[in-house]
Amino acid sequence: MFWQNDISEGIKVFLIFLGLSSPIITIGLIYYLKKRLEHKQIIAAIEKGTPLSELRPPEPIGQLWIKNLTSGIAVLIIAAAFICIPLLGYSGDYGEPQASYFGVAAILFAVGVSLVIRGLLRRNANL
């Protein structure tokens, strides 16, 4: 029957949406639980009379340029993969236009180049 095909398509769309949204939900949940724990620590410190400045650990001083450089290179590799998809002849199940792959690749390429430049500038500034 025709409605069984609609249900299977709906389930497929739901699973794709669930797969794409689950990392965002997980990150949000971790952030919420972390903030809740911080709040409990602050309340406990106030009740004990401990100064709040002792609760906050000093921010880690690290080499931020390495983080920016490696993430920039990773984004550039992902952009190269998006460029290779239409070049290898894959047009998708629904006949997506190949220009959309190049558009995503252009955006990722711009972000990757900006991260690499930021990493190189921070390296020269010793940050």
PDB file of N, CA and C in Angstrom:
ATOM      1  N   MET A   1       0.834  -1.189   0.000  1.00  0.00           N
ATOM      2  CA  MET A   1       0.000   0.000   0.000  1.00  0.00           C
ATOM      3  C   MET A   1       0.872   1.243   0.000  1.00  0.00           C
ATOM      4  N   PHE A   2       0.272   2.349  -0.438  1.00  0.00           N
ATOM      5  CA  PHE A   2       1.027   3.582  -0.575  1.00  0.00           C
ATOM      6  C   PHE A   2       1.392   4.202   0.773  1.00  0.00           C
ATOM      7  N   TRP A   3       0.585   3.983   1.807  1.00  0.00           N
ATOM      8  CA  TRP A   3       0.866   4.608   3.097  1.00  0.00           C
ATOM      9  C   TRP A   3       2.045   3.947   3.811  1.00  0.00           C
ATOM     10  N   GLN A   4       2.338   2.678   3.489  1.00  0.00           N
ATOM     11  CA  GLN A   4       3.494   2.024   4.095  1.00  0.00           C
ATOM     12  C   GLN A   4       4.785   2.648   3.590  1.00  0.00           C
ATOM     13  N   ASN A   5       4.797   3.070   2.347  1.00  0.00           N
ATOM     14  CA  ASN A   5       5.969   3.742   1.795  1.00  0.00           C
ATOM     15  C   ASN A   5       6.171   5.089   2.478  1.00  0.00           C
ATOM     16  N   ASP A   6       5.068   5.809   2.762  1.00  0.00           N
ATOM     17  CA  ASP A   6       5.170   7.092   3.451  1.00  0.00           C
ATOM     18  C   ASP A   6       5.697   6.920   4.865  1.00  0.00           C
ATOM     19  N   ILE A   7       5.262   5.877   5.551  1.00  0.00           N
ATOM     20  CA  ILE A   7       5.724   5.632   6.917  1.00  0.00           C
ATOM     21  C   ILE A   7       7.215   5.305   6.921  1.00  0.00           C
ATOM     22  N   SER A   8       7.655   4.493   5.982  1.00  0.00           N
ATOM     23  CA  SER A   8       9.083   4.144   5.941  1.00  0.00           C
ATOM     24  C   SER A   8       9.929   5.368   5.607  1.00  0.00           C
ATOM     25  N   GLU A   9       9.431   6.238   4.731  1.00  0.00           N
ATOM     26  CA  GLU A   9      10.156   7.480   4.430  1.00  0.00           C
ATOM     27  C   GLU A   9      10.202   8.379   5.661  1.00  0.00           C
ATOM     28  N   GLY A  10       9.105   8.448   6.392  1.00  0.00           N
ATOM     29  CA  GLY A  10       9.071   9.255   7.605  1.00  0.00           C
ATOM     30  C   GLY A  10      10.025   8.737   8.659  1.00  0.00           C
ATOM     31  N   ILE A  11      10.110   7.421   8.794  1.00  0.00           N
ATOM     32  CA  ILE A  11      11.041   6.829   9.746  1.00  0.00           C
ATOM     33  C   ILE A  11      12.478   7.123   9.343  1.00  0.00           C
ATOM     34  N   LYS A  12      12.771   7.057   8.051  1.00  0.00           N
ATOM     35  CA  LYS A  12      14.116   7.378   7.573  1.00  0.00           C
ATOM     36  C   LYS A  12      14.480   8.824   7.886  1.00  0.00           C
ATOM     37  N   VAL A  13      13.560   9.744   7.634  1.00  0.00           N
ATOM     38  CA  VAL A  13      13.817  11.161   7.915  1.00  0.00           C
ATOM     39  C   VAL A  13      14.008  11.371   9.411  1.00  0.00           C
ATOM     40  N   PHE A  14      13.187  10.699  10.226  1.00  0.00           N
ATOM     41  CA  PHE A  14      13.318  10.825  11.673  1.00  0.00           C
ATOM     42  C   PHE A  14      14.669  10.319  12.153  1.00  0.00           C
ATOM     43  N   LEU A  15      15.134   9.182  11.626  1.00  0.00           N
ATOM     44  CA  LEU A  15      16.421   8.636  12.036  1.00  0.00           C
ATOM     45  C   LEU A  15      17.572   9.544  11.618  1.00  0.00           C
ATOM     46  N   ILE A  16      17.474  10.141  10.442  1.00  0.00           N
ATOM     47  CA  ILE A  16      18.506  11.081  10.009  1.00  0.00           C
ATOM     48  C   ILE A  16      18.523  12.301  10.921  1.00  0.00           C
ATOM     49  N   PHE A  17      17.341  12.826  11.234  1.00  0.00           N
ATOM     50  CA  PHE A  17      17.259  13.984  12.130  1.00  0.00           C
ATOM     51  C   PHE A  17      17.796  13.633  13.515  1.00  0.00           C
ATOM     52  N   LEU A  18      17.462  12.449  14.007  1.00  0.00           N
ATOM     53  CA  LEU A  18      17.938  12.024  15.318  1.00  0.00           C
ATOM     54  C   LEU A  18      19.458  11.874  15.323  1.00  0.00           C
ATOM     55  N   GLY A  19      19.998  11.340  14.253  1.00  0.00           N
ATOM     56  CA  GLY A  19      21.450  11.184  14.164  1.00  0.00           C
ATOM     57  C   GLY A  19      22.185  12.509  14.100  1.00  0.00           C
ATOM     58  N   LEU A  20      21.591  13.474  13.423  1.00  0.00           N
ATOM     59  CA  LEU A  20      22.238  14.775  13.321  1.00  0.00           C
ATOM     60  C   LEU A  20      22.069  15.615  14.587  1.00  0.00           C
ATOM     61  N   SER A  21      20.969  15.431  15.302  1.00  0.00           N
ATOM     62  CA  SER A  21      20.722  16.262  16.480  1.00  0.00           C
ATOM     63  C   SER A  21      21.269  15.661  17.764  1.00  0.00           C
ATOM     64  N   SER A  22      21.589  14.381  17.788  1.00  0.00           N
ATOM     65  CA  SER A  22      22.060  13.764  19.034  1.00  0.00           C
ATOM     66  C   SER A  22      23.381  14.339  19.537  1.00  0.00           C
ATOM     67  N   PRO A  23      24.369  14.680  18.694  1.00  0.00           N
ATOM     68  CA  PRO A  23      25.575  15.314  19.246  1.00  0.00           C
ATOM     69  C   PRO A  23      25.279  16.674  19.882  1.00  0.00           C
ATOM     70  N   ILE A  24      24.373  17.423  19.292  1.00  0.00           N
ATOM     71  CA  ILE A  24      24.031  18.738  19.843  1.00  0.00           C
ATOM     72  C   ILE A  24      23.337  18.571  21.188  1.00  0.00           C
ATOM     73  N   ILE A  25      22.437  17.612  21.277  1.00  0.00           N
ATOM     74  CA  ILE A  25      21.742  17.357  22.538  1.00  0.00           C
ATOM     75  C   ILE A  25      22.727  16.872  23.599  1.00  0.00           C
ATOM     76  N   THR A  26      23.671  16.023  23.233  1.00  0.00           N
ATOM     77  CA  THR A  26      24.658  15.511  24.180  1.00  0.00           C
ATOM     78  C   THR A  26      25.541  16.632  24.712  1.00  0.00           C
ATOM     79  N   ILE A  27      26.010  17.502  23.836  1.00  0.00           N
ATOM     80  CA  ILE A  27      26.848  18.624  24.262  1.00  0.00           C
ATOM     81  C   ILE A  27      26.059  19.551  25.183  1.00  0.00           C
ATOM     82  N   GLY A  28      24.815  19.813  24.850  1.00  0.00           N
ATOM     83  CA  GLY A  28      23.978  20.660  25.698  1.00  0.00           C
ATOM     84  C   GLY A  28      23.750  20.050  27.067  1.00  0.00           C
ATOM     85  N   LEU A  29      23.527  18.744  27.114  1.00  0.00           N
ATOM     86  CA  LEU A  29      23.311  18.063  28.388  1.00  0.00           C
ATOM     87  C   LEU A  29      24.568  18.084  29.246  1.00  0.00           C
ATOM     88  N   ILE A  30      25.724  17.856  28.652  1.00  0.00           N
ATOM     89  CA  ILE A  30      26.987  17.910  29.396  1.00  0.00           C
ATOM     90  C   ILE A  30      27.223  19.313  29.936  1.00  0.00           C
ATOM     91  N   TYR A  31      26.971  20.324  29.119  1.00  0.00           N
ATOM     92  CA  TYR A  31      27.146  21.714  29.559  1.00  0.00           C
ATOM     93  C   TYR A  31      26.210  22.029  30.725  1.00  0.00           C
ATOM     94  N   TYR A  32      24.962  21.576  30.632  1.00  0.00           N
ATOM     95  CA  TYR A  32      23.993  21.823  31.697  1.00  0.00           C
ATOM     96  C   TYR A  32      24.428  21.165  32.999  1.00  0.00           C
ATOM     97  N   LEU A  33      24.862  19.903  32.927  1.00  0.00           N
ATOM     98  CA  LEU A  33      25.281  19.197  34.135  1.00  0.00           C
ATOM     99  C   LEU A  33      26.536  19.823  34.743  1.00  0.00           C
ATOM    100  N   LYS A  34      27.435  20.305  33.903  1.00  0.00           N
ATOM    101  CA  LYS A  34      28.643  20.962  34.397  1.00  0.00           C
ATOM    102  C   LYS A  34      28.294  22.255  35.131  1.00  0.00           C
ATOM    103  N   LYS A  35      27.398  23.041  34.564  1.00  0.00           N
ATOM    104  CA  LYS A  35      26.980  24.288  35.213  1.00  0.00           C
ATOM    105  C   LYS A  35      26.238  23.996  36.512  1.00  0.00           C
ATOM    106  N   ARG A  36      25.445  22.950  36.536  1.00  0.00           N
ATOM    107  CA  ARG A  36      24.717  22.590  37.756  1.00  0.00           C
ATOM    108  C   ARG A  36      25.680  22.196  38.870  1.00  0.00           C
ATOM    109  N   LEU A  37      26.730  21.462  38.527  1.00  0.00           N
ATOM    110  CA  LEU A  37      27.738  21.085  39.513  1.00  0.00           C
ATOM    111  C   LEU A  37      28.473  22.320  40.031  1.00  0.00           C
ATOM    112  N   GLU A  38      28.821  23.242  39.135  1.00  0.00           N
ATOM    113  CA  GLU A  38      29.465  24.485  39.567  1.00  0.00           C
ATOM    114  C   GLU A  38      28.567  25.254  40.530  1.00  0.00           C
ATOM    115  N   HIS A  39      27.294  25.304  40.240  1.00  0.00           N
ATOM    116  CA  HIS A  39      26.352  26.020  41.098  1.00  0.00           C
ATOM    117  C   HIS A  39      26.288  25.379  42.483  1.00  0.00           C
ATOM    118  N   LYS A  40      26.273  24.050  42.532  1.00  0.00           N
ATOM    119  CA  LYS A  40      26.254  23.355  43.821  1.00  0.00           C
ATOM    120  C   LYS A  40      27.529  23.646  44.610  1.00  0.00           C
ATOM    121  N   GLN A  41      28.665  23.707  43.930  1.00  0.00           N
ATOM    122  CA  GLN A  41      29.920  24.011  44.608  1.00  0.00           C
ATOM    123  C   GLN A  41      29.914  25.435  45.163  1.00  0.00           C
ATOM    124  N   ILE A  42      29.373  26.366  44.409  1.00  0.00           N
ATOM    125  CA  ILE A  42      29.311  27.747  44.870  1.00  0.00           C
ATOM    126  C   ILE A  42      28.406  27.859  46.088  1.00  0.00           C
ATOM    127  N   ILE A  43      27.261  27.211  46.060  1.00  0.00           N
ATOM    128  CA  ILE A  43      26.345  27.245  47.203  1.00  0.00           C
ATOM    129  C   ILE A  43      27.000  26.626  48.432  1.00  0.00           C
ATOM    130  N   ALA A  44      27.702  25.492  48.258  1.00  0.00           N
ATOM    131  CA  ALA A  44      28.380  24.857  49.385  1.00  0.00           C
ATOM    132  C   ALA A  44      29.489  25.748  49.935  1.00  0.00           C
ATOM    133  N   ALA A  45      30.216  26.448  49.066  1.00  0.00           N
ATOM    134  CA  ALA A  45      31.279  27.340  49.518  1.00  0.00           C
ATOM    135  C   ALA A  45      30.709  28.531  50.274  1.00  0.00           C
ATOM    136  N   ILE A  46      29.600  29.068  49.835  1.00  0.00           N
ATOM    137  CA  ILE A  46      28.968  30.185  50.527  1.00  0.00           C
ATOM    138  C   ILE A  46      28.508  29.740  51.914  1.00  0.00           C
ATOM    139  N   GLU A  47      27.957  28.539  52.009  1.00  0.00           N
ATOM    140  CA  GLU A  47      27.504  28.043  53.300  1.00  0.00           C
ATOM    141  C   GLU A  47      28.665  27.817  54.267  1.00  0.00           C
ATOM    142  N   LYS A  48      29.834  27.407  53.749  1.00  0.00           N
ATOM    143  CA  LYS A  48      30.997  27.182  54.595  1.00  0.00           C
ATOM    144  C   LYS A  48      31.767  28.465  54.875  1.00  0.00           C
ATOM    145  N   GLY A  49      31.537  29.494  54.084  1.00  0.00           N
ATOM    146  CA  GLY A  49      32.264  30.749  54.255  1.00  0.00           C
ATOM    147  C   GLY A  49      33.569  30.798  53.489  1.00  0.00           C
ATOM    148  N   THR A  50      33.767  29.917  52.547  1.00  0.00           N
ATOM    149  CA  THR A  50      34.978  29.899  51.726  1.00  0.00           C
ATOM    150  C   THR A  50      34.898  31.000  50.680  1.00  0.00           C
ATOM    151  N   PRO A  51      35.986  31.723  50.458  1.00  0.00           N
ATOM    152  CA  PRO A  51      35.955  32.739  49.397  1.00  0.00           C
ATOM    153  C   PRO A  51      35.764  32.086  48.023  1.00  0.00           C
ATOM    154  N   LEU A  52      34.997  32.758  47.198  1.00  0.00           N
ATOM    155  CA  LEU A  52      34.681  32.185  45.885  1.00  0.00           C
ATOM    156  C   LEU A  52      35.879  32.178  44.948  1.00  0.00           C
ATOM    157  N   SER A  53      36.872  33.013  45.205  1.00  0.00           N
ATOM    158  CA  SER A  53      38.038  33.044  44.323  1.00  0.00           C
ATOM    159  C   SER A  53      38.825  31.741  44.380  1.00  0.00           C
ATOM    160  N   GLU A  54      38.704  30.993  45.491  1.00  0.00           N
ATOM    161  CA  GLU A  54      39.409  29.718  45.597  1.00  0.00           C
ATOM    162  C   GLU A  54      38.724  28.607  44.800  1.00  0.00           C
ATOM    163  N   LEU A  55      37.465  28.797  44.459  1.00  0.00           N
ATOM    164  CA  LEU A  55      36.732  27.761  43.726  1.00  0.00           C
ATOM    165  C   LEU A  55      37.127  27.673  42.265  1.00  0.00           C
ATOM    166  N   ARG A  56      37.300  28.794  41.650  1.00  0.00           N
ATOM    167  CA  ARG A  56      37.593  28.810  40.216  1.00  0.00           C
ATOM    168  C   ARG A  56      39.051  28.427  39.970  1.00  0.00           C
ATOM    169  N   PRO A  57      39.267  27.343  39.262  1.00  0.00           N
ATOM    170  CA  PRO A  57      40.648  27.003  38.939  1.00  0.00           C
ATOM    171  C   PRO A  57      41.191  28.002  37.921  1.00  0.00           C
ATOM    172  N   PRO A  58      42.484  28.237  37.953  1.00  0.00           N
ATOM    173  CA  PRO A  58      43.042  29.156  36.958  1.00  0.00           C
ATOM    174  C   PRO A  58      42.843  28.596  35.552  1.00  0.00           C
ATOM    175  N   GLU A  59      42.586  29.482  34.633  1.00  0.00           N
ATOM    176  CA  GLU A  59      42.375  29.033  33.254  1.00  0.00           C
ATOM    177  C   GLU A  59      43.659  28.423  32.713  1.00  0.00           C
ATOM    178  N   PRO A  60      43.532  27.310  32.003  1.00  0.00           N
ATOM    179  CA  PRO A  60      44.745  26.662  31.500  1.00  0.00           C
ATOM    180  C   PRO A  60      45.437  27.539  30.466  1.00  0.00           C
ATOM    181  N   ILE A  61      46.709  27.705  30.692  1.00  0.00           N
ATOM    182  CA  ILE A  61      47.504  28.485  29.742  1.00  0.00           C
ATOM    183  C   ILE A  61      48.200  27.471  28.846  1.00  0.00           C
ATOM    184  N   GLY A  62      47.783  27.423  27.636  1.00  0.00           N
ATOM    185  CA  GLY A  62      48.346  26.455  26.711  1.00  0.00           C
ATOM    186  C   GLY A  62      48.654  27.102  25.376  1.00  0.00           C
ATOM    187  N   GLN A  63      49.048  26.294  24.501  1.00  0.00           N
ATOM    188  CA  GLN A  63      49.375  26.763  23.162  1.00  0.00           C
ATOM    189  C   GLN A  63      48.105  26.749  22.318  1.00  0.00           C
ATOM    190  N   LEU A  64      47.400  27.871  22.283  1.00  0.00           N
ATOM    191  CA  LEU A  64      46.165  27.950  21.503  1.00  0.00           C
ATOM    192  C   LEU A  64      46.431  27.890  20.007  1.00  0.00           C
ATOM    193  N   TRP A  65      47.612  28.269  19.594  1.00  0.00           N
ATOM    194  CA  TRP A  65      47.885  28.277  18.165  1.00  0.00           C
ATOM    195  C   TRP A  65      47.901  26.858  17.615  1.00  0.00           C
ATOM    196  N   ILE A  66      48.321  25.886  18.431  1.00  0.00           N
ATOM    197  CA  ILE A  66      48.335  24.496  17.969  1.00  0.00           C
ATOM    198  C   ILE A  66      46.908  24.008  17.757  1.00  0.00           C
ATOM    199  N   LYS A  67      46.014  24.364  18.686  1.00  0.00           N
ATOM    200  CA  LYS A  67      44.617  23.960  18.566  1.00  0.00           C
ATOM    201  C   LYS A  67      43.970  24.576  17.326  1.00  0.00           C
ATOM    202  N   ASN A  68      44.236  25.865  17.088  1.00  0.00           N
ATOM    203  CA  ASN A  68      43.666  26.530  15.918  1.00  0.00           C
ATOM    204  C   ASN A  68      44.230  25.953  14.620  1.00  0.00           C
ATOM    205  N   LEU A  69      45.522  25.682  14.616  1.00  0.00           N
ATOM    206  CA  LEU A  69      46.151  25.166  13.409  1.00  0.00           C
ATOM    207  C   LEU A  69      45.639  23.764  13.072  1.00  0.00           C
ATOM    208  N   THR A  70      45.554  22.882  14.069  1.00  0.00           N
ATOM    209  CA  THR A  70      45.098  21.522  13.785  1.00  0.00           C
ATOM    210  C   THR A  70      43.624  21.487  13.401  1.00  0.00           C
ATOM    211  N   SER A  71      42.798  22.296  14.047  1.00  0.00           N
ATOM    212  CA  SER A  71      41.383  22.305  13.653  1.00  0.00           C
ATOM    213  C   SER A  71      41.219  22.910  12.261  1.00  0.00           C
ATOM    214  N   GLY A  72      42.031  23.893  11.917  1.00  0.00           N
ATOM    215  CA  GLY A  72      41.976  24.469  10.569  1.00  0.00           C
ATOM    216  C   GLY A  72      42.360  23.454   9.503  1.00  0.00           C
ATOM    217  N   ILE A  73      43.392  22.678   9.776  1.00  0.00           N
ATOM    218  CA  ILE A  73      43.810  21.652   8.820  1.00  0.00           C
ATOM    219  C   ILE A  73      42.730  20.577   8.686  1.00  0.00           C
ATOM    220  N   ALA A  74      42.089  20.217   9.804  1.00  0.00           N
ATOM    221  CA  ALA A  74      41.019  19.217   9.755  1.00  0.00           C
ATOM    222  C   ALA A  74      39.841  19.723   8.920  1.00  0.00           C
ATOM    223  N   VAL A  75      39.473  20.984   9.075  1.00  0.00           N
ATOM    224  CA  VAL A  75      38.362  21.542   8.299  1.00  0.00           C
ATOM    225  C   VAL A  75      38.735  21.605   6.818  1.00  0.00           C
ATOM    226  N   LEU A  76      39.992  21.905   6.509  1.00  0.00           N
ATOM    227  CA  LEU A  76      40.427  21.914   5.109  1.00  0.00           C
ATOM    228  C   LEU A  76      40.350  20.516   4.493  1.00  0.00           C
ATOM    229  N   ILE A  77      40.652  19.487   5.265  1.00  0.00           N
ATOM    230  CA  ILE A  77      40.552  18.109   4.754  1.00  0.00           C
ATOM    231  C   ILE A  77      39.094  17.751   4.492  1.00  0.00           C
ATOM    232  N   ILE A  78      38.198  18.175   5.386  1.00  0.00           N
ATOM    233  CA  ILE A  78      36.768  17.919   5.175  1.00  0.00           C
ATOM    234  C   ILE A  78      36.281  18.668   3.934  1.00  0.00           C
ATOM    235  N   ALA A  79      36.769  19.896   3.725  1.00  0.00           N
ATOM    236  CA  ALA A  79      36.396  20.653   2.524  1.00  0.00           C
ATOM    237  C   ALA A  79      36.877  19.933   1.269  1.00  0.00           C
ATOM    238  N   ALA A  80      38.067  19.364   1.322  1.00  0.00           N
ATOM    239  CA  ALA A  80      38.575  18.605   0.170  1.00  0.00           C
ATOM    240  C   ALA A  80      37.704  17.388  -0.111  1.00  0.00           C
ATOM    241  N   ALA A  81      37.186  16.760   0.948  1.00  0.00           N
ATOM    242  CA  ALA A  81      36.300  15.619   0.749  1.00  0.00           C
ATOM    243  C   ALA A  81      35.007  16.043   0.060  1.00  0.00           C
ATOM    244  N   PHE A  82      34.462  17.211   0.441  1.00  0.00           N
ATOM    245  CA  PHE A  82      33.246  17.690  -0.208  1.00  0.00           C
ATOM    246  C   PHE A  82      33.497  18.060  -1.664  1.00  0.00           C
ATOM    247  N   ILE A  83      34.700  18.475  -1.992  1.00  0.00           N
ATOM    248  CA  ILE A  83      35.016  18.764  -3.392  1.00  0.00           C
ATOM    249  C   ILE A  83      35.119  17.460  -4.186  1.00  0.00           C
ATOM    250  N   CYS A  84      35.624  16.413  -3.551  1.00  0.00           N
ATOM    251  CA  CYS A  84      35.820  15.132  -4.251  1.00  0.00           C
ATOM    252  C   CYS A  84      34.516  14.392  -4.523  1.00  0.00           C
ATOM    253  N   ILE A  85      33.479  14.654  -3.750  1.00  0.00           N
ATOM    254  CA  ILE A  85      32.215  13.918  -3.937  1.00  0.00           C
ATOM    255  C   ILE A  85      31.667  14.084  -5.357  1.00  0.00           C
ATOM    256  N   PRO A  86      31.457  15.302  -5.846  1.00  0.00           N
ATOM    257  CA  PRO A  86      30.936  15.392  -7.219  1.00  0.00           C
ATOM    258  C   PRO A  86      31.971  15.026  -8.281  1.00  0.00           C
ATOM    259  N   LEU A  87      33.248  15.187  -7.971  1.00  0.00           N
ATOM    260  CA  LEU A  87      34.269  14.835  -8.951  1.00  0.00           C
ATOM    261  C   LEU A  87      34.346  13.334  -9.177  1.00  0.00           C
ATOM    262  N   LEU A  88      33.945  12.556  -8.163  1.00  0.00           N
ATOM    263  CA  LEU A  88      33.939  11.102  -8.300  1.00  0.00           C
ATOM    264  C   LEU A  88      32.671  10.590  -8.970  1.00  0.00           C
ATOM    265  N   GLY A  89      31.727  11.485  -9.222  1.00  0.00           N
ATOM    266  CA  GLY A  89      30.535  11.099  -9.961  1.00  0.00           C
ATOM    267  C   GLY A  89      29.340  10.767  -9.118  1.00  0.00           C
ATOM    268  N   TYR A  90      29.376  10.989  -7.822  1.00  0.00           N
ATOM    269  CA  TYR A  90      28.228  10.705  -6.970  1.00  0.00           C
ATOM    270  C   TYR A  90      27.262  11.873  -7.043  1.00  0.00           C
ATOM    271  N   SER A  91      26.023  11.593  -7.419  1.00  0.00           N
ATOM    272  CA  SER A  91      25.040  12.676  -7.524  1.00  0.00           C
ATOM    273  C   SER A  91      23.977  12.585  -6.440  1.00  0.00           C
ATOM    274  N   GLY A  92      24.002  11.567  -5.613  1.00  0.00           N
ATOM    275  CA  GLY A  92      23.046  11.446  -4.517  1.00  0.00           C
ATOM    276  C   GLY A  92      21.817  10.665  -4.925  1.00  0.00           C
ATOM    277  N   ASP A  93      21.033  10.273  -3.923  1.00  0.00           N
ATOM    278  CA  ASP A  93      19.837   9.473  -4.166  1.00  0.00           C
ATOM    279  C   ASP A  93      18.728  10.285  -4.815  1.00  0.00           C
ATOM    280  N   TYR A  94      18.652  11.547  -4.460  1.00  0.00           N
ATOM    281  CA  TYR A  94      17.554  12.382  -4.942  1.00  0.00           C
ATOM    282  C   TYR A  94      18.003  13.343  -6.039  1.00  0.00           C
ATOM    283  N   GLY A  95      19.179  13.143  -6.572  1.00  0.00           N
ATOM    284  CA  GLY A  95      19.667  13.979  -7.660  1.00  0.00           C
ATOM    285  C   GLY A  95      19.979  15.396  -7.211  1.00  0.00           C
ATOM    286  N   GLU A  96      20.650  15.527  -6.052  1.00  0.00           N
ATOM    287  CA  GLU A  96      20.999  16.861  -5.585  1.00  0.00           C
ATOM    288  C   GLU A  96      21.926  17.528  -6.590  1.00  0.00           C
ATOM    289  N   PRO A  97      21.824  18.827  -6.707  1.00  0.00           N
ATOM    290  CA  PRO A  97      22.752  19.503  -7.622  1.00  0.00           C
ATOM    291  C   PRO A  97      24.178  19.430  -7.086  1.00  0.00           C
ATOM    292  N   GLN A  98      25.087  19.196  -7.970  1.00  0.00           N
ATOM    293  CA  GLN A  98      26.480  19.062  -7.552  1.00  0.00           C
ATOM    294  C   GLN A  98      27.051  20.389  -7.067  1.00  0.00           C
ATOM    295  N   ALA A  99      26.440  21.492  -7.440  1.00  0.00           N
ATOM    296  CA  ALA A  99      26.924  22.798  -6.994  1.00  0.00           C
ATOM    297  C   ALA A  99      26.778  22.954  -5.485  1.00  0.00           C
ATOM    298  N   SER A 100      25.832  22.247  -4.880  1.00  0.00           N
ATOM    299  CA  SER A 100      25.672  22.357  -3.430  1.00  0.00           C
ATOM    300  C   SER A 100      26.892  21.798  -2.700  1.00  0.00           C
ATOM    301  N   TYR A 101      27.505  20.746  -3.234  1.00  0.00           N
ATOM    302  CA  TYR A 101      28.718  20.216  -2.631  1.00  0.00           C
ATOM    303  C   TYR A 101      29.848  21.241  -2.698  1.00  0.00           C
ATOM    304  N   PHE A 102      29.954  21.917  -3.846  1.00  0.00           N
ATOM    305  CA  PHE A 102      30.990  22.933  -3.971  1.00  0.00           C
ATOM    306  C   PHE A 102      30.719  24.130  -3.055  1.00  0.00           C
ATOM    307  N   GLY A 103      29.447  24.451  -2.834  1.00  0.00           N
ATOM    308  CA  GLY A 103      29.110  25.551  -1.924  1.00  0.00           C
ATOM    309  C   GLY A 103      29.501  25.227  -0.491  1.00  0.00           C
ATOM    310  N   VAL A 104      29.192  24.012  -0.053  1.00  0.00           N
ATOM    311  CA  VAL A 104      29.586  23.592   1.299  1.00  0.00           C
ATOM    312  C   VAL A 104      31.111  23.554   1.405  1.00  0.00           C
ATOM    313  N   ALA A 105      31.770  23.066   0.364  1.00  0.00           N
ATOM    314  CA  ALA A 105      33.228  23.004   0.370  1.00  0.00           C
ATOM    315  C   ALA A 105      33.833  24.401   0.433  1.00  0.00           C
ATOM    316  N   ALA A 106      33.230  25.377  -0.259  1.00  0.00           N
ATOM    317  CA  ALA A 106      33.748  26.747  -0.228  1.00  0.00           C
ATOM    318  C   ALA A 106      33.631  27.349   1.165  1.00  0.00           C
ATOM    319  N   ILE A 107      32.509  27.098   1.832  1.00  0.00           N
ATOM    320  CA  ILE A 107      32.331  27.616   3.194  1.00  0.00           C
ATOM    321  C   ILE A 107      33.339  26.964   4.141  1.00  0.00           C
ATOM    322  N   LEU A 108      33.468  25.642   4.060  1.00  0.00           N
ATOM    323  CA  LEU A 108      34.423  24.945   4.928  1.00  0.00           C
ATOM    324  C   LEU A 108      35.858  25.367   4.625  1.00  0.00           C
ATOM    325  N   PHE A 109      36.162  25.597   3.355  1.00  0.00           N
ATOM    326  CA  PHE A 109      37.499  26.042   2.983  1.00  0.00           C
ATOM    327  C   PHE A 109      37.799  27.407   3.596  1.00  0.00           C
ATOM    328  N   ALA A 110      36.832  28.319   3.556  1.00  0.00           N
ATOM    329  CA  ALA A 110      37.041  29.646   4.139  1.00  0.00           C
ATOM    330  C   ALA A 110      37.256  29.560   5.649  1.00  0.00           C
ATOM    331  N   VAL A 111      36.475  28.720   6.320  1.00  0.00           N
ATOM    332  CA  VAL A 111      36.637  28.557   7.768  1.00  0.00           C
ATOM    333  C   VAL A 111      37.996  27.930   8.071  1.00  0.00           C
ATOM    334  N   GLY A 112      38.392  26.930   7.311  1.00  0.00           N
ATOM    335  CA  GLY A 112      39.681  26.272   7.534  1.00  0.00           C
ATOM    336  C   GLY A 112      40.855  27.200   7.323  1.00  0.00           C
ATOM    337  N   VAL A 113      40.800  27.998   6.262  1.00  0.00           N
ATOM    338  CA  VAL A 113      41.888  28.950   6.000  1.00  0.00           C
ATOM    339  C   VAL A 113      41.964  29.987   7.117  1.00  0.00           C
ATOM    340  N   SER A 114      40.803  30.457   7.590  1.00  0.00           N
ATOM    341  CA  SER A 114      40.829  31.450   8.658  1.00  0.00           C
ATOM    342  C   SER A 114      41.410  30.860   9.948  1.00  0.00           C
ATOM    343  N   LEU A 115      41.103  29.592  10.245  1.00  0.00           N
ATOM    344  CA  LEU A 115      41.677  28.964  11.434  1.00  0.00           C
ATOM    345  C   LEU A 115      43.182  28.753  11.298  1.00  0.00           C
ATOM    346  N   VAL A 116      43.632  28.379  10.117  1.00  0.00           N
ATOM    347  CA  VAL A 116      45.066  28.200   9.897  1.00  0.00           C
ATOM    348  C   VAL A 116      45.788  29.536  10.039  1.00  0.00           C
ATOM    349  N   ILE A 117      45.249  30.593   9.444  1.00  0.00           N
ATOM    350  CA  ILE A 117      45.865  31.920   9.558  1.00  0.00           C
ATOM    351  C   ILE A 117      45.883  32.376  11.017  1.00  0.00           C
ATOM    352  N   ARG A 118      44.782  32.136  11.731  1.00  0.00           N
ATOM    353  CA  ARG A 118      44.725  32.518  13.144  1.00  0.00           C
ATOM    354  C   ARG A 118      45.774  31.753  13.949  1.00  0.00           C
ATOM    355  N   GLY A 119      45.943  30.469  13.665  1.00  0.00           N
ATOM    356  CA  GLY A 119      46.954  29.682  14.359  1.00  0.00           C
ATOM    357  C   GLY A 119      48.358  30.180  14.077  1.00  0.00           C
ATOM    358  N   LEU A 120      48.632  30.524  12.815  1.00  0.00           N
ATOM    359  CA  LEU A 120      49.960  31.024  12.472  1.00  0.00           C
ATOM    360  C   LEU A 120      50.233  32.387  13.104  1.00  0.00           C
ATOM    361  N   LEU A 121      49.224  33.245  13.149  1.00  0.00           N
ATOM    362  CA  LEU A 121      49.402  34.549  13.792  1.00  0.00           C
ATOM    363  C   LEU A 121      49.613  34.400  15.295  1.00  0.00           C
ATOM    364  N   ARG A 122      48.900  33.474  15.923  1.00  0.00           N
ATOM    365  CA  ARG A 122      49.086  33.258  17.360  1.00  0.00           C
ATOM    366  C   ARG A 122      50.444  32.649  17.647  1.00  0.00           C
ATOM    367  N   ARG A 123      50.953  31.824  16.727  1.00  0.00           N
ATOM    368  CA  ARG A 123      52.287  31.246  16.931  1.00  0.00           C
ATOM    369  C   ARG A 123      53.344  32.349  16.914  1.00  0.00           C
ATOM    370  N   ASN A 124      53.186  33.281  15.985  1.00  0.00           N
ATOM    371  CA  ASN A 124      54.156  34.368  15.907  1.00  0.00           C
ATOM    372  C   ASN A 124      54.063  35.309  17.097  1.00  0.00           C
ATOM    373  N   ALA A 125      52.872  35.411  17.698  1.00  0.00           N
ATOM    374  CA  ALA A 125      52.681  36.286  18.866  1.00  0.00           C
ATOM    375  C   ALA A 125      52.943  35.531  20.170  1.00  0.00           C
ATOM    376  N   ASN A 126      53.286  34.239  20.085  1.00  0.00           N
ATOM    377  CA  ASN A 126      53.526  33.393  21.260  1.00  0.00           C
ATOM    378  C   ASN A 126      52.322  33.326  22.180  1.00  0.00           C
ATOM    379  N   LEU A 127      51.129  33.145  21.607  1.00  0.00           N
ATOM    380  CA  LEU A 127      49.922  33.006  22.416  1.00  0.00           C
ATOM    381  C   LEU A 127      49.460  31.564  22.450  1.00  0.00           C
TER     382      LEU A 127
END
